């Protein structure tokens, strides 16, 4: 029975790992008419109510920019949100930015799933081949046994982040992406993974230097 118990925990662990943190880019858009060169000076905006998260996200994005690209966190220029469009445009023009990257959290979705009990057939020892559906009861019974893992509930939390890149000074959007993160271990872990994936996408679309 100890072998069965170990395998029961193995299947349960596999199910739990399937619900662990994962991030992927769900969709992207690229302006087909944009033929501009990779951005050379980028300001990064992370729209977040929590100022600590805003600073974390903006700093991490700037730190991962490729060599030859200047990145500036928006909080160093605009401590608070400024609704004056003309003032913001003039400040960015004066600083010489040719790109603006803006990210915002679109939604946080939570759902619960029930995993029903499952019955598993276990071989008596590794490498022993048998075909239970083609043997008689008397031949099959000594060779394997079945055990059932109990049913359980899993809860998943999905974070959806939208990111857009604008050409400056005209402010035209040339690229966007929607990323999804399920069950992040922490805010830092989620930010790091989103930044990494979006950086890959921007380089793939020749909007950042390689």
Protein backbone atom coordinates (compact mmCIF):
# COMPACT_ATOMS: atom_id res chain seq x y z
CA UNK A 1 0.00 0.00 0.00
CA UNK A 2 2.92 2.34 0.57
CA UNK A 3 3.64 2.27 -3.18
CA UNK A 4 0.03 3.18 -3.92
CA UNK A 5 0.15 6.04 -1.42
CA UNK A 6 3.31 7.45 -3.01
CA UNK A 7 1.72 7.30 -6.44
CA UNK A 8 -1.44 8.93 -5.12
CA UNK A 9 0.65 11.89 -3.92
CA UNK A 10 2.48 11.93 -7.26
CA UNK A 11 -0.74 12.31 -9.21
CA UNK A 12 -1.99 14.96 -6.79
CA UNK A 13 1.29 16.86 -7.12
CA UNK A 14 1.08 16.68 -10.92
CA UNK A 15 -2.41 18.16 -10.79
CA UNK A 16 -1.27 20.94 -8.48
CA UNK A 17 1.69 21.80 -10.71
CA UNK A 18 -0.69 22.06 -13.65
CA UNK A 19 -2.46 24.84 -11.74
CA UNK A 20 0.76 26.65 -10.81
CA UNK A 21 1.96 29.93 -12.18
CA UNK A 22 2.13 30.32 -15.94
CA UNK A 23 2.30 33.36 -18.20
CA UNK A 24 1.64 33.54 -21.92
CA UNK A 25 0.91 36.17 -24.56
CA UNK A 26 -2.72 35.64 -25.51
CA UNK A 27 -2.82 38.02 -28.47
CA UNK A 28 -0.73 40.65 -30.28
CA UNK A 29 -1.28 43.31 -32.91
CA UNK A 30 1.28 45.03 -35.12
CA UNK A 31 0.61 48.02 -37.37
CA UNK A 32 1.45 46.72 -40.86
CA UNK A 33 2.08 50.25 -42.10
CA UNK A 34 4.70 51.05 -39.48
CA UNK A 35 8.17 50.88 -41.05
CA UNK A 36 10.04 52.83 -38.38
CA UNK A 37 13.35 51.80 -36.84
CA UNK A 38 13.60 50.23 -33.38
CA UNK A 39 12.88 52.63 -30.54
CA UNK A 40 16.00 54.29 -29.13
CA UNK A 41 14.59 56.24 -26.15
CA UNK A 42 11.58 54.73 -24.42
CA UNK A 43 9.47 55.99 -21.54
CA UNK A 44 7.67 53.23 -19.62
CA UNK A 45 4.28 53.77 -17.99
CA UNK A 46 2.75 51.13 -15.69
CA UNK A 47 -0.78 52.17 -14.78
CA UNK A 48 -1.23 50.88 -11.22
CA UNK A 49 -3.05 52.21 -8.17
CA UNK A 50 -0.29 50.89 -5.93
CA UNK A 51 2.72 53.15 -6.41
CA UNK A 52 5.13 50.42 -5.28
CA UNK A 53 3.86 48.09 -8.01
CA UNK A 54 4.06 50.89 -10.55
CA UNK A 55 7.69 51.57 -9.69
CA UNK A 56 8.54 47.88 -9.63
CA UNK A 57 7.06 47.26 -13.09
CA UNK A 58 8.60 50.36 -14.67
CA UNK A 59 12.04 49.71 -13.19
CA UNK A 60 12.02 46.06 -14.27
CA UNK A 61 11.02 46.93 -17.83
CA UNK A 62 13.77 49.54 -18.09
CA UNK A 63 16.39 47.17 -16.67
CA UNK A 64 15.69 44.56 -19.34
CA UNK A 65 15.96 46.86 -22.35
CA UNK A 66 18.70 45.92 -24.82
CA UNK A 67 22.00 47.78 -25.01
CA UNK A 68 21.68 50.91 -27.11
CA UNK A 69 18.11 51.62 -25.96
CA UNK A 70 17.58 54.27 -23.29
CA UNK A 71 14.68 53.55 -20.95
CA UNK A 72 13.14 55.89 -18.41
CA UNK A 73 10.50 54.99 -15.77
CA UNK A 74 7.61 57.43 -16.01
CA UNK A 75 7.55 58.07 -12.25
CA UNK A 76 10.88 59.89 -12.56
CA UNK A 77 9.22 62.49 -14.80
CA UNK A 78 5.58 62.35 -13.69
CA UNK A 79 5.18 61.53 -10.02
CA UNK A 80 1.40 61.62 -10.38
CA UNK A 81 -0.95 61.11 -13.32
CA UNK A 82 -1.16 64.32 -15.34
CA UNK A 83 -4.38 64.72 -17.39
CA UNK A 84 -2.93 67.71 -19.29
CA UNK A 85 -2.25 66.12 -22.70
CA UNK A 86 -0.44 69.14 -24.09
CA UNK A 87 1.90 69.38 -21.12
CA UNK A 88 2.76 65.68 -21.25
CA UNK A 89 3.40 65.79 -25.01
CA UNK A 90 5.69 68.80 -24.69
CA UNK A 91 7.67 67.23 -21.85
CA UNK A 92 8.23 64.00 -23.78
CA UNK A 93 9.18 65.92 -26.94
CA UNK A 94 11.64 68.03 -24.99
CA UNK A 95 13.24 64.91 -23.45
CA UNK A 96 13.68 63.37 -26.92
CA UNK A 97 11.58 60.22 -26.50
CA UNK A 98 10.67 58.33 -29.67
CA UNK A 99 8.55 55.66 -27.95
CA UNK A 100 6.17 55.16 -25.03
CA UNK A 101 5.28 51.78 -23.56
CA UNK A 102 2.07 51.69 -21.52
CA UNK A 103 0.84 48.69 -19.48
CA UNK A 104 -2.31 48.32 -17.43
CA UNK A 105 -4.04 45.55 -15.52
CA UNK A 106 -7.27 44.81 -17.37
CA UNK A 107 -8.85 42.23 -15.06
CA UNK A 108 -8.39 39.69 -12.26
CA UNK A 109 -10.56 36.61 -12.73
CA UNK A 110 -11.02 33.91 -10.10
CA UNK A 111 -12.64 30.53 -10.64
CA UNK A 112 -12.87 27.16 -8.89
CA UNK A 113 -12.74 23.76 -10.59
CA UNK A 114 -13.61 20.36 -9.18
CA UNK A 115 -11.29 17.48 -10.10
CA UNK A 116 -13.28 14.24 -9.70
CA UNK A 117 -11.85 11.01 -8.22
CA UNK A 118 -9.73 9.03 -10.68
CA UNK A 119 -8.87 5.32 -10.74
CA UNK A 120 -5.37 4.32 -11.82
CA UNK A 121 -3.89 0.96 -12.81
CA UNK A 122 -0.36 0.32 -11.57
CA UNK A 123 2.11 -2.26 -12.91
CA UNK A 124 3.70 -4.50 -10.27
CA UNK A 125 7.20 -3.47 -11.35
CA UNK A 126 8.72 -1.19 -14.05
CA UNK A 127 9.07 -2.60 -17.52
CA UNK A 128 6.58 -5.43 -17.07
CA UNK A 129 4.28 -5.35 -20.07
CA UNK A 130 0.75 -6.66 -19.93
CA UNK A 131 -2.51 -6.08 -21.75
CA UNK A 132 -5.31 -6.28 -19.17
CA UNK A 133 -8.08 -6.11 -21.73
CA UNK A 134 -6.77 -9.19 -23.53
CA UNK A 135 -5.99 -11.44 -20.55
CA UNK A 136 -8.28 -13.48 -18.38
CA UNK A 137 -9.13 -12.44 -14.85
CA UNK A 138 -6.82 -15.12 -13.45
CA UNK A 139 -3.87 -13.89 -15.49
CA UNK A 140 -4.47 -10.20 -14.90
CA UNK A 141 -5.36 -10.18 -11.19
CA UNK A 142 -1.85 -10.96 -9.84
CA UNK A 143 -0.14 -8.48 -12.15
CA UNK A 144 -1.75 -5.19 -11.26
CA UNK A 145 -3.95 -3.41 -8.81
CA UNK A 146 -6.09 -0.31 -8.97
CA UNK A 147 -6.29 2.65 -6.62
CA UNK A 148 -8.36 5.83 -6.62
CA UNK A 149 -7.20 9.39 -5.97
CA UNK A 150 -9.81 11.47 -4.13
CA UNK A 151 -11.60 14.39 -5.72
CA UNK A 152 -10.50 17.92 -4.82
CA UNK A 153 -11.09 21.59 -5.60
CA UNK A 154 -8.61 23.87 -7.32
CA UNK A 155 -8.80 27.67 -7.38
CA UNK A 156 -7.19 29.61 -10.21
CA UNK A 157 -6.57 33.36 -10.39
CA UNK A 158 -5.94 34.86 -13.83
CA UNK A 159 -4.39 38.31 -14.33
CA UNK A 160 -4.86 39.98 -17.73
CA UNK A 161 -2.43 42.77 -18.70
CA UNK A 162 -2.69 44.97 -21.79
CA UNK A 163 0.46 46.66 -23.15
CA UNK A 164 0.77 49.16 -26.00
CA UNK A 165 3.72 50.77 -27.73
CA UNK A 166 3.34 54.26 -29.23
CA UNK A 167 5.63 56.12 -31.60
CA UNK A 168 6.50 59.59 -30.33
CA UNK A 169 6.11 62.49 -30.73
CA UNK A 170 2.96 61.84 -32.82
CA UNK A 171 1.62 59.27 -30.33
CA UNK A 172 0.53 56.67 -32.88
CA UNK A 173 0.03 53.09 -31.58
CA UNK A 174 2.14 50.59 -33.53
CA UNK A 175 1.97 47.44 -31.37
CA UNK A 176 -0.12 45.92 -28.60
CA UNK A 177 -0.26 42.69 -26.64
CA UNK A 178 -2.50 41.04 -24.10
CA UNK A 179 -0.76 38.73 -21.62
CA UNK A 180 -2.34 36.33 -19.14
CA UNK A 181 -0.80 35.04 -15.90
CA UNK A 182 -2.40 32.23 -13.90
CA UNK A 183 -1.68 31.75 -10.19
CA UNK A 184 1.47 33.90 -9.91
CA UNK A 185 3.72 33.09 -6.96
CA UNK A 186 4.09 36.81 -6.28
CA UNK A 187 3.70 40.21 -7.91
CA UNK A 188 7.45 40.31 -8.55
CA UNK A 189 7.38 36.93 -10.27
CA UNK A 190 4.45 37.99 -12.46
CA UNK A 191 6.08 41.30 -13.42
CA UNK A 192 9.35 39.57 -14.32
CA UNK A 193 7.65 37.00 -16.51
CA UNK A 194 5.40 39.53 -18.29
CA UNK A 195 8.36 41.86 -18.94
CA UNK A 196 10.43 38.99 -20.34
CA UNK A 197 7.72 37.78 -22.71
CA UNK A 198 6.79 41.25 -23.93
CA UNK A 199 10.46 42.11 -24.51
CA UNK A 200 10.75 39.00 -26.69
CA UNK A 201 7.68 40.05 -28.67
CA UNK A 202 8.95 43.59 -29.20
CA UNK A 203 12.30 42.32 -30.46
CA UNK A 204 10.56 39.81 -32.69
CA UNK A 205 8.65 42.68 -34.29
CA UNK A 206 11.84 44.79 -34.72
CA UNK A 207 10.56 47.45 -32.31
CA UNK A 208 13.48 46.95 -29.93
CA UNK A 209 17.10 46.23 -30.78
CA UNK A 210 18.26 42.62 -30.61
